[in-house]
Structure formats: structure tokens, C-alpha cells
Amino acid sequence: MGTPVVSRLSIEAETWAADKTTAVPAGHADRAATEMTAQTAAERLPAARTQAAATCPVTPPATSIGSTVVPLAQPVGQAPPARPKRSAVT
């Protein structure tokens, strides 16, 4: 048997699907970065943490057909668990 012929339409369809599936994670990353920036301002976090949020990449690497998408560890829009409050030492 010979090598299968890949049509131009098949390649265009795969490219279109890859573009659409890449746009979804990119949108989530952008929203997560916006939420991180807002949280650092609201909580008046130290400069190092504010800088870390500011330099967080908002665009994930390009994906291709058949690649694995790793879900976010913390769902976007869900607040992280509350930290225990420190008791005053007297």
C-alpha cells in the first residue's frame, strides 16, 4: 500500500481545530492573570509576590492536534482556601 494522501482541506480543518482549542486555554490564562493582579492589589501583598503575578505568562504555549491539555490546579474564579489566622503572641 502507498502513503495516504492528506488533502488540503484536511490540513485546513486540523489547523482550524487547533486554533480554536488553543484559544480556550489562552482565555482562561488571561482571566487568571487578571484575577491574580487584582488579588495582589487587594491584599497588599509584598513586592516580590506582586512582581510574580505581573510576570506570570498569560498565553500558554501553542498546542497541536493530539497534545495533552493539563487542567489548572485551582479552577479559575474559585477563591483559594483561606489561610489560618495567626494568633497574637503576648
PDB file of N, CA and C in Angstrom:
ATOM      1  N   MET A   1       0.839  -1.176   0.000  1.00  0.00           N
ATOM      2  CA  MET A   1       0.000   0.000   0.000  1.00  0.00           C
ATOM      3  C   MET A   1       0.888   1.244   0.000  1.00  0.00           C
ATOM      4  N   GLY A   2       0.390   2.278  -0.607  1.00  0.00           N
ATOM      5  CA  GLY A   2       1.144   3.518  -0.695  1.00  0.00           C
ATOM      6  C   GLY A   2       0.889   4.424   0.499  1.00  0.00           C
ATOM      7  N   THR A   3       1.556   5.533   0.502  1.00  0.00           N
ATOM      8  CA  THR A   3       1.398   6.530   1.552  1.00  0.00           C
ATOM      9  C   THR A   3       0.051   7.226   1.383  1.00  0.00           C
ATOM     10  N   PRO A   4      -0.713   7.391   2.488  1.00  0.00           N
ATOM     11  CA  PRO A   4      -2.003   8.069   2.355  1.00  0.00           C
ATOM     12  C   PRO A   4      -1.814   9.526   1.944  1.00  0.00           C
ATOM     13  N   VAL A   5      -2.706   9.988   1.116  1.00  0.00           N
ATOM     14  CA  VAL A   5      -2.660  11.367   0.652  1.00  0.00           C
ATOM     15  C   VAL A   5      -3.482  12.219   1.610  1.00  0.00           C
ATOM     16  N   VAL A   6      -2.869  13.281   2.109  1.00  0.00           N
ATOM     17  CA  VAL A   6      -3.561  14.201   3.012  1.00  0.00           C
ATOM     18  C   VAL A   6      -4.043  15.374   2.177  1.00  0.00           C
ATOM     19  N   SER A   7      -5.325  15.595   2.199  1.00  0.00           N
ATOM     20  CA  SER A   7      -5.877  16.673   1.388  1.00  0.00           C
ATOM     21  C   SER A   7      -5.634  18.029   2.038  1.00  0.00           C
ATOM     22  N   ARG A   8      -5.660  19.043   1.211  1.00  0.00           N
ATOM     23  CA  ARG A   8      -5.504  20.418   1.693  1.00  0.00           C
ATOM     24  C   ARG A   8      -6.636  20.764   2.653  1.00  0.00           C
ATOM     25  N   LEU A   9      -7.847  20.279   2.373  1.00  0.00           N
ATOM     26  CA  LEU A   9      -8.988  20.553   3.251  1.00  0.00           C
ATOM     27  C   LEU A   9      -8.802  19.900   4.612  1.00  0.00           C
ATOM     28  N   SER A  10      -8.211  18.708   4.639  1.00  0.00           N
ATOM     29  CA  SER A  10      -7.958  18.028   5.906  1.00  0.00           C
ATOM     30  C   SER A  10      -6.969  18.824   6.751  1.00  0.00           C
ATOM     31  N   ILE A  11      -5.922  19.326   6.122  1.00  0.00           N
ATOM     32  CA  ILE A  11      -4.921  20.128   6.844  1.00  0.00           C
ATOM     33  C   ILE A  11      -5.560  21.414   7.353  1.00  0.00           C
ATOM     34  N   GLU A  12      -6.381  22.053   6.524  1.00  0.00           N
ATOM     35  CA  GLU A  12      -7.060  23.280   6.949  1.00  0.00           C
ATOM     36  C   GLU A  12      -8.004  23.009   8.118  1.00  0.00           C
ATOM     37  N   ALA A  13      -8.699  21.876   8.082  1.00  0.00           N
ATOM     38  CA  ALA A  13      -9.616  21.526   9.170  1.00  0.00           C
ATOM     39  C   ALA A  13      -8.851  21.294  10.471  1.00  0.00           C
ATOM     40  N   GLU A  14      -7.708  20.607  10.393  1.00  0.00           N
ATOM     41  CA  GLU A  14      -6.903  20.370  11.588  1.00  0.00           C
ATOM     42  C   GLU A  14      -6.338  21.675  12.135  1.00  0.00           C
ATOM     43  N   THR A  15      -5.909  22.552  11.259  1.00  0.00           N
ATOM     44  CA  THR A  15      -5.382  23.852  11.684  1.00  0.00           C
ATOM     45  C   THR A  15      -6.471  24.675  12.357  1.00  0.00           C
ATOM     46  N   TRP A  16      -7.669  24.687  11.770  1.00  0.00           N
ATOM     47  CA  TRP A  16      -8.795  25.421  12.354  1.00  0.00           C
ATOM     48  C   TRP A  16      -9.115  24.880  13.744  1.00  0.00           C
ATOM     49  N   ALA A  17      -9.176  23.546  13.895  1.00  0.00           N
ATOM     50  CA  ALA A  17      -9.480  22.936  15.195  1.00  0.00           C
ATOM     51  C   ALA A  17      -8.401  23.266  16.220  1.00  0.00           C
ATOM     52  N   ALA A  18      -7.142  23.236  15.807  1.00  0.00           N
ATOM     53  CA  ALA A  18      -6.046  23.559  16.726  1.00  0.00           C
ATOM     54  C   ALA A  18      -6.135  25.009  17.184  1.00  0.00           C
ATOM     55  N   ASP A  19      -6.459  25.910  16.263  1.00  0.00           N
ATOM     56  CA  ASP A  19      -6.600  27.323  16.630  1.00  0.00           C
ATOM     57  C   ASP A  19      -7.720  27.526  17.642  1.00  0.00           C
ATOM     58  N   LYS A  20      -8.846  26.857  17.436  1.00  0.00           N
ATOM     59  CA  LYS A  20      -9.985  27.007  18.346  1.00  0.00           C
ATOM     60  C   LYS A  20      -9.683  26.419  19.716  1.00  0.00           C
ATOM     61  N   THR A  21      -9.049  25.252  19.772  1.00  0.00           N
ATOM     62  CA  THR A  21      -8.763  24.634  21.074  1.00  0.00           C
ATOM     63  C   THR A  21      -7.661  25.372  21.813  1.00  0.00           C
ATOM     64  N   THR A  22      -6.795  26.080  21.106  1.00  0.00           N
ATOM     65  CA  THR A  22      -5.761  26.882  21.755  1.00  0.00           C
ATOM     66  C   THR A  22      -6.359  28.162  22.325  1.00  0.00           C
ATOM     67  N   ALA A  23      -7.375  28.702  21.689  1.00  0.00           N
ATOM     68  CA  ALA A  23      -7.991  29.949  22.140  1.00  0.00           C
ATOM     69  C   ALA A  23      -8.659  29.785  23.498  1.00  0.00           C
ATOM     70  N   VAL A  24      -9.206  28.616  23.789  1.00  0.00           N
ATOM     71  CA  VAL A  24      -9.886  28.400  25.068  1.00  0.00           C
ATOM     72  C   VAL A  24      -8.911  28.509  26.237  1.00  0.00           C
ATOM     73  N   PRO A  25      -7.788  27.742  26.256  1.00  0.00           N
ATOM     74  CA  PRO A  25      -6.848  27.891  27.369  1.00  0.00           C
ATOM     75  C   PRO A  25      -6.262  29.302  27.458  1.00  0.00           C
ATOM     76  N   ALA A  26      -6.043  29.951  26.314  1.00  0.00           N
ATOM     77  CA  ALA A  26      -5.492  31.304  26.335  1.00  0.00           C
ATOM     78  C   ALA A  26      -6.443  32.254  27.046  1.00  0.00           C
ATOM     79  N   GLY A  27      -7.741  32.104  26.831  1.00  0.00           N
ATOM     80  CA  GLY A  27      -8.731  32.949  27.503  1.00  0.00           C
ATOM     81  C   GLY A  27      -8.745  32.720  29.001  1.00  0.00           C
ATOM     82  N   HIS A  28      -8.624  31.459  29.419  1.00  0.00           N
ATOM     83  CA  HIS A  28      -8.586  31.153  30.849  1.00  0.00           C
ATOM     84  C   HIS A  28      -7.321  31.723  31.487  1.00  0.00           C
ATOM     85  N   ALA A  29      -6.195  31.631  30.795  1.00  0.00           N
ATOM     86  CA  ALA A  29      -4.935  32.141  31.330  1.00  0.00           C
ATOM     87  C   ALA A  29      -4.996  33.652  31.507  1.00  0.00           C
ATOM     88  N   ASP A  30      -5.583  34.342  30.539  1.00  0.00           N
ATOM     89  CA  ASP A  30      -5.697  35.797  30.625  1.00  0.00           C
ATOM     90  C   ASP A  30      -6.572  36.195  31.804  1.00  0.00           C
ATOM     91  N   ARG A  31      -7.688  35.489  31.983  1.00  0.00           N
ATOM     92  CA  ARG A  31      -8.587  35.794  33.100  1.00  0.00           C
ATOM     93  C   ARG A  31      -7.905  35.501  34.434  1.00  0.00           C
ATOM     94  N   ALA A  32      -7.160  34.405  34.515  1.00  0.00           N
ATOM     95  CA  ALA A  32      -6.456  34.059  35.752  1.00  0.00           C
ATOM     96  C   ALA A  32      -5.410  35.114  36.092  1.00  0.00           C
ATOM     97  N   ALA A  33      -4.687  35.600  35.093  1.00  0.00           N
ATOM     98  CA  ALA A  33      -3.678  36.633  35.333  1.00  0.00           C
ATOM     99  C   ALA A  33      -4.327  37.921  35.823  1.00  0.00           C
ATOM    100  N   THR A  34      -5.475  38.271  35.261  1.00  0.00           N
ATOM    101  CA  THR A  34      -6.197  39.469  35.705  1.00  0.00           C
ATOM    102  C   THR A  34      -6.638  39.321  37.154  1.00  0.00           C
ATOM    103  N   GLU A  35      -7.145  38.129  37.511  1.00  0.00           N
ATOM    104  CA  GLU A  35      -7.574  37.887  38.893  1.00  0.00           C
ATOM    105  C   GLU A  35      -6.392  37.924  39.858  1.00  0.00           C
ATOM    106  N   MET A  36      -5.244  37.378  39.428  1.00  0.00           N
ATOM    107  CA  MET A  36      -4.052  37.400  40.286  1.00  0.00           C
ATOM    108  C   MET A  36      -3.609  38.834  40.554  1.00  0.00           C
ATOM    109  N   THR A  37      -3.614  39.658  39.517  1.00  0.00           N
ATOM    110  CA  THR A  37      -3.203  41.051  39.668  1.00  0.00           C
ATOM    111  C   THR A  37      -4.147  41.788  40.610  1.00  0.00           C
ATOM    112  N   ALA A  38      -5.443  41.562  40.464  1.00  0.00           N
ATOM    113  CA  ALA A  38      -6.422  42.211  41.342  1.00  0.00           C
ATOM    114  C   ALA A  38      -6.251  41.750  42.786  1.00  0.00           C
ATOM    115  N   GLN A  39      -5.977  40.459  42.977  1.00  0.00           N
ATOM    116  CA  GLN A  39      -5.814  39.934  44.334  1.00  0.00           C
ATOM    117  C   GLN A  39      -4.568  40.510  45.001  1.00  0.00           C
ATOM    118  N   THR A  40      -3.472  40.645  44.247  1.00  0.00           N
ATOM    119  CA  THR A  40      -2.258  41.205  44.851  1.00  0.00           C
ATOM    120  C   THR A  40      -2.488  42.644  45.293  1.00  0.00           C
ATOM    121  N   ALA A  41      -3.277  43.396  44.526  1.00  0.00           N
ATOM    122  CA  ALA A  41      -3.572  44.781  44.897  1.00  0.00           C
ATOM    123  C   ALA A  41      -4.492  44.829  46.112  1.00  0.00           C
ATOM    124  N   ALA A  42      -5.512  43.979  46.129  1.00  0.00           N
ATOM    125  CA  ALA A  42      -6.487  43.986  47.224  1.00  0.00           C
ATOM    126  C   ALA A  42      -5.867  43.551  48.550  1.00  0.00           C
ATOM    127  N   GLU A  43      -4.953  42.598  48.497  1.00  0.00           N
ATOM    128  CA  GLU A  43      -4.360  42.075  49.725  1.00  0.00           C
ATOM    129  C   GLU A  43      -3.063  42.777  50.115  1.00  0.00           C
ATOM    130  N   ARG A  44      -2.649  43.738  49.294  1.00  0.00           N
ATOM    131  CA  ARG A  44      -1.411  44.483  49.552  1.00  0.00           C
ATOM    132  C   ARG A  44      -0.251  43.528  49.829  1.00  0.00           C
ATOM    133  N   LEU A  45      -0.054  42.611  48.897  1.00  0.00           N
ATOM    134  CA  LEU A  45       1.000  41.610  49.047  1.00  0.00           C
ATOM    135  C   LEU A  45       2.375  42.241  48.872  1.00  0.00           C
ATOM    136  N   PRO A  46       3.415  41.568  49.387  1.00  0.00           N
ATOM    137  CA  PRO A  46       4.770  42.090  49.228  1.00  0.00           C
ATOM    138  C   PRO A  46       5.134  42.269  47.750  1.00  0.00           C
ATOM    139  N   ALA A  47       6.105  43.129  47.501  1.00  0.00           N
ATOM    140  CA  ALA A  47       6.505  43.451  46.129  1.00  0.00           C
ATOM    141  C   ALA A  47       6.907  42.213  45.336  1.00  0.00           C
ATOM    142  N   ALA A  48       7.567  41.253  45.981  1.00  0.00           N
ATOM    143  CA  ALA A  48       8.002  40.046  45.272  1.00  0.00           C
ATOM    144  C   ALA A  48       6.808  39.265  44.730  1.00  0.00           C
ATOM    145  N   ARG A  49       5.748  39.171  45.507  1.00  0.00           N
ATOM    146  CA  ARG A  49       4.562  38.442  45.040  1.00  0.00           C
ATOM    147  C   ARG A  49       3.826  39.229  43.965  1.00  0.00           C
ATOM    148  N   THR A  50       3.776  40.532  44.113  1.00  0.00           N
ATOM    149  CA  THR A  50       3.139  41.359  43.097  1.00  0.00           C
ATOM    150  C   THR A  50       3.885  41.222  41.778  1.00  0.00           C
ATOM    151  N   GLN A  51       5.213  41.231  41.843  1.00  0.00           N
ATOM    152  CA  GLN A  51       6.033  41.078  40.637  1.00  0.00           C
ATOM    153  C   GLN A  51       5.816  39.705  40.008  1.00  0.00           C
ATOM    154  N   ALA A  52       5.691  38.663  40.833  1.00  0.00           N
ATOM    155  CA  ALA A  52       5.460  37.313  40.312  1.00  0.00           C
ATOM    156  C   ALA A  52       4.141  37.244  39.554  1.00  0.00           C
ATOM    157  N   ALA A  53       3.114  37.893  40.076  1.00  0.00           N
ATOM    158  CA  ALA A  53       1.816  37.905  39.389  1.00  0.00           C
ATOM    159  C   ALA A  53       1.904  38.693  38.091  1.00  0.00           C
ATOM    160  N   ALA A  54       2.670  39.783  38.112  1.00  0.00           N
ATOM    161  CA  ALA A  54       2.790  40.623  36.921  1.00  0.00           C
ATOM    162  C   ALA A  54       3.561  39.929  35.803  1.00  0.00           C
ATOM    163  N   THR A  55       4.519  39.073  36.157  1.00  0.00           N
ATOM    164  CA  THR A  55       5.325  38.408  35.136  1.00  0.00           C
ATOM    165  C   THR A  55       4.786  37.046  34.745  1.00  0.00           C
ATOM    166  N   CYS A  56       3.677  36.633  35.350  1.00  0.00           N
ATOM    167  CA  CYS A  56       3.073  35.347  35.016  1.00  0.00           C
ATOM    168  C   CYS A  56       2.656  35.358  33.551  1.00  0.00           C
ATOM    169  N   PRO A  57       3.074  34.336  32.782  1.00  0.00           N
ATOM    170  CA  PRO A  57       2.692  34.335  31.363  1.00  0.00           C
ATOM    171  C   PRO A  57       1.184  34.166  31.217  1.00  0.00           C
ATOM    172  N   VAL A  58       0.596  34.970  30.348  1.00  0.00           N
ATOM    173  CA  VAL A  58      -0.848  34.889  30.159  1.00  0.00           C
ATOM    174  C   VAL A  58      -1.225  34.087  28.924  1.00  0.00           C
ATOM    175  N   THR A  59      -0.267  33.737  28.114  1.00  0.00           N
ATOM    176  CA  THR A  59      -0.562  32.958  26.923  1.00  0.00           C
ATOM    177  C   THR A  59       0.150  31.624  27.018  1.00  0.00           C
ATOM    178  N   PRO A  60      -0.598  30.528  27.045  1.00  0.00           N
ATOM    179  CA  PRO A  60       0.045  29.225  27.127  1.00  0.00           C
ATOM    180  C   PRO A  60       0.758  28.901  25.826  1.00  0.00           C
ATOM    181  N   PRO A  61       1.694  27.961  25.849  1.00  0.00           N
ATOM    182  CA  PRO A  61       2.367  27.589  24.610  1.00  0.00           C
ATOM    183  C   PRO A  61       1.366  27.025  23.601  1.00  0.00           C
ATOM    184  N   ALA A  62       1.690  27.146  22.341  1.00  0.00           N
ATOM    185  CA  ALA A  62       0.792  26.663  21.292  1.00  0.00           C
ATOM    186  C   ALA A  62       0.590  25.160  21.416  1.00  0.00           C
ATOM    187  N   THR A  63      -0.607  24.729  21.146  1.00  0.00           N
ATOM    188  CA  THR A  63      -0.902  23.302  21.190  1.00  0.00           C
ATOM    189  C   THR A  63      -1.061  22.791  19.771  1.00  0.00           C
ATOM    190  N   SER A  64      -1.050  21.494  19.630  1.00  0.00           N
ATOM    191  CA  SER A  64      -1.270  20.899  18.320  1.00  0.00           C
ATOM    192  C   SER A  64      -2.258  19.759  18.466  1.00  0.00           C
ATOM    193  N   ILE A  65      -2.717  19.241  17.372  1.00  0.00           N
ATOM    194  CA  ILE A  65      -3.656  18.125  17.397  1.00  0.00           C
ATOM    195  C   ILE A  65      -2.998  16.965  18.136  1.00  0.00           C
ATOM    196  N   GLY A  66      -3.706  16.403  19.095  1.00  0.00           N
ATOM    197  CA  GLY A  66      -3.186  15.257  19.825  1.00  0.00           C
ATOM    198  C   GLY A  66      -2.390  15.615  21.058  1.00  0.00           C
ATOM    199  N   SER A  67      -2.216  16.894  21.353  1.00  0.00           N
ATOM    200  CA  SER A  67      -1.455  17.253  22.548  1.00  0.00           C
ATOM    201  C   SER A  67      -2.350  17.124  23.776  1.00  0.00           C
ATOM    202  N   THR A  68      -1.733  17.033  24.926  1.00  0.00           N
ATOM    203  CA  THR A  68      -2.474  16.881  26.167  1.00  0.00           C
ATOM    204  C   THR A  68      -2.634  18.235  26.824  1.00  0.00           C
ATOM    205  N   VAL A  69      -3.838  18.554  27.250  1.00  0.00           N
ATOM    206  CA  VAL A  69      -4.095  19.799  27.962  1.00  0.00           C
ATOM    207  C   VAL A  69      -4.148  19.475  29.442  1.00  0.00           C
ATOM    208  N   VAL A  70      -3.314  20.153  30.221  1.00  0.00           N
ATOM    209  CA  VAL A  70      -3.276  19.935  31.661  1.00  0.00           C
ATOM    210  C   VAL A  70      -4.199  20.952  32.310  1.00  0.00           C
ATOM    211  N   PRO A  71      -5.169  20.508  33.113  1.00  0.00           N
ATOM    212  CA  PRO A  71      -6.090  21.458  33.735  1.00  0.00           C
ATOM    213  C   PRO A  71      -5.384  22.318  34.781  1.00  0.00           C
ATOM    214  N   LEU A  72      -5.945  23.486  35.044  1.00  0.00           N
ATOM    215  CA  LEU A  72      -5.404  24.355  36.078  1.00  0.00           C
ATOM    216  C   LEU A  72      -5.552  23.688  37.433  1.00  0.00           C
ATOM    217  N   ALA A  73      -4.577  23.892  38.314  1.00  0.00           N
ATOM    218  CA  ALA A  73      -4.631  23.298  39.644  1.00  0.00           C
ATOM    219  C   ALA A  73      -5.779  23.893  40.451  1.00  0.00           C
ATOM    220  N   GLN A  74      -6.010  25.176  40.311  1.00  0.00           N
ATOM    221  CA  GLN A  74      -7.093  25.863  41.015  1.00  0.00           C
ATOM    222  C   GLN A  74      -8.059  26.378  39.962  1.00  0.00           C
ATOM    223  N   PRO A  75      -9.307  25.934  39.964  1.00  0.00           N
ATOM    224  CA  PRO A  75     -10.247  26.404  38.951  1.00  0.00           C
ATOM    225  C   PRO A  75     -10.339  27.926  38.931  1.00  0.00           C
ATOM    226  N   VAL A  76     -10.385  28.485  37.738  1.00  0.00           N
ATOM    227  CA  VAL A  76     -10.459  29.934  37.579  1.00  0.00           C
ATOM    228  C   VAL A  76     -11.762  30.433  38.176  1.00  0.00           C
ATOM    229  N   GLY A  77     -11.678  31.508  38.934  1.00  0.00           N
ATOM    230  CA  GLY A  77     -12.859  32.091  39.541  1.00  0.00           C
ATOM    231  C   GLY A  77     -13.174  31.556  40.920  1.00  0.00           C
ATOM    232  N   GLN A  78     -12.454  30.518  41.343  1.00  0.00           N
ATOM    233  CA  GLN A  78     -12.682  29.954  42.673  1.00  0.00           C
ATOM    234  C   GLN A  78     -11.591  30.469  43.602  1.00  0.00           C
ATOM    235  N   ALA A  79     -11.984  30.969  44.737  1.00  0.00           N
ATOM    236  CA  ALA A  79     -11.020  31.517  45.689  1.00  0.00           C
ATOM    237  C   ALA A  79     -10.172  30.398  46.289  1.00  0.00           C
ATOM    238  N   PRO A  80      -8.895  30.668  46.539  1.00  0.00           N
ATOM    239  CA  PRO A  80      -8.058  29.662  47.187  1.00  0.00           C
ATOM    240  C   PRO A  80      -8.504  29.463  48.629  1.00  0.00           C
ATOM    241  N   PRO A  81      -8.128  28.341  49.241  1.00  0.00           N
ATOM    242  CA  PRO A  81      -8.515  28.110  50.636  1.00  0.00           C
ATOM    243  C   PRO A  81      -7.984  29.225  51.538  1.00  0.00           C
ATOM    244  N   ALA A  82      -8.750  29.577  52.533  1.00  0.00           N
ATOM    245  CA  ALA A  82      -8.348  30.642  53.461  1.00  0.00           C
ATOM    246  C   ALA A  82      -7.164  30.181  54.301  1.00  0.00           C
ATOM    247  N   ARG A  83      -6.250  31.108  54.533  1.00  0.00           N
ATOM    248  CA  ARG A  83      -5.104  30.808  55.396  1.00  0.00           C
ATOM    249  C   ARG A  83      -5.535  30.920  56.846  1.00  0.00           C
ATOM    250  N   PRO A  84      -4.961  30.072  57.714  1.00  0.00           N
ATOM    251  CA  PRO A  84      -5.290  30.220  59.138  1.00  0.00           C
ATOM    252  C   PRO A  84      -4.727  31.540  59.665  1.00  0.00           C
ATOM    253  N   LYS A  85      -5.483  32.192  60.511  1.00  0.00           N
ATOM    254  CA  LYS A  85      -5.031  33.468  61.071  1.00  0.00           C
ATOM    255  C   LYS A  85      -4.019  33.213  62.172  1.00  0.00           C
ATOM    256  N   ARG A  86      -3.022  34.085  62.213  1.00  0.00           N
ATOM    257  CA  ARG A  86      -2.004  33.979  63.260  1.00  0.00           C
ATOM    258  C   ARG A  86      -2.548  34.566  64.551  1.00  0.00           C
ATOM    259  N   SER A  87      -2.275  33.875  65.626  1.00  0.00           N
ATOM    260  CA  SER A  87      -2.717  34.409  66.914  1.00  0.00           C
ATOM    261  C   SER A  87      -1.663  35.377  67.437  1.00  0.00           C
ATOM    262  N   ALA A  88      -2.120  36.350  68.164  1.00  0.00           N
ATOM    263  CA  ALA A  88      -1.204  37.331  68.739  1.00  0.00           C
ATOM    264  C   ALA A  88      -0.414  36.685  69.866  1.00  0.00           C
ATOM    265  N   VAL A  89       0.890  36.883  69.822  1.00  0.00           N
ATOM    266  CA  VAL A  89       1.747  36.332  70.871  1.00  0.00           C
ATOM    267  C   VAL A  89       1.957  37.419  71.913  1.00  0.00           C
ATOM    268  N   THR A  90       1.664  37.079  73.167  1.00  0.00           N
ATOM    269  CA  THR A  90       1.827  38.089  74.228  1.00  0.00           C
ATOM    270  C   THR A  90       2.898  37.684  75.188  1.00  0.00           C
TER     271      THR A  90
END
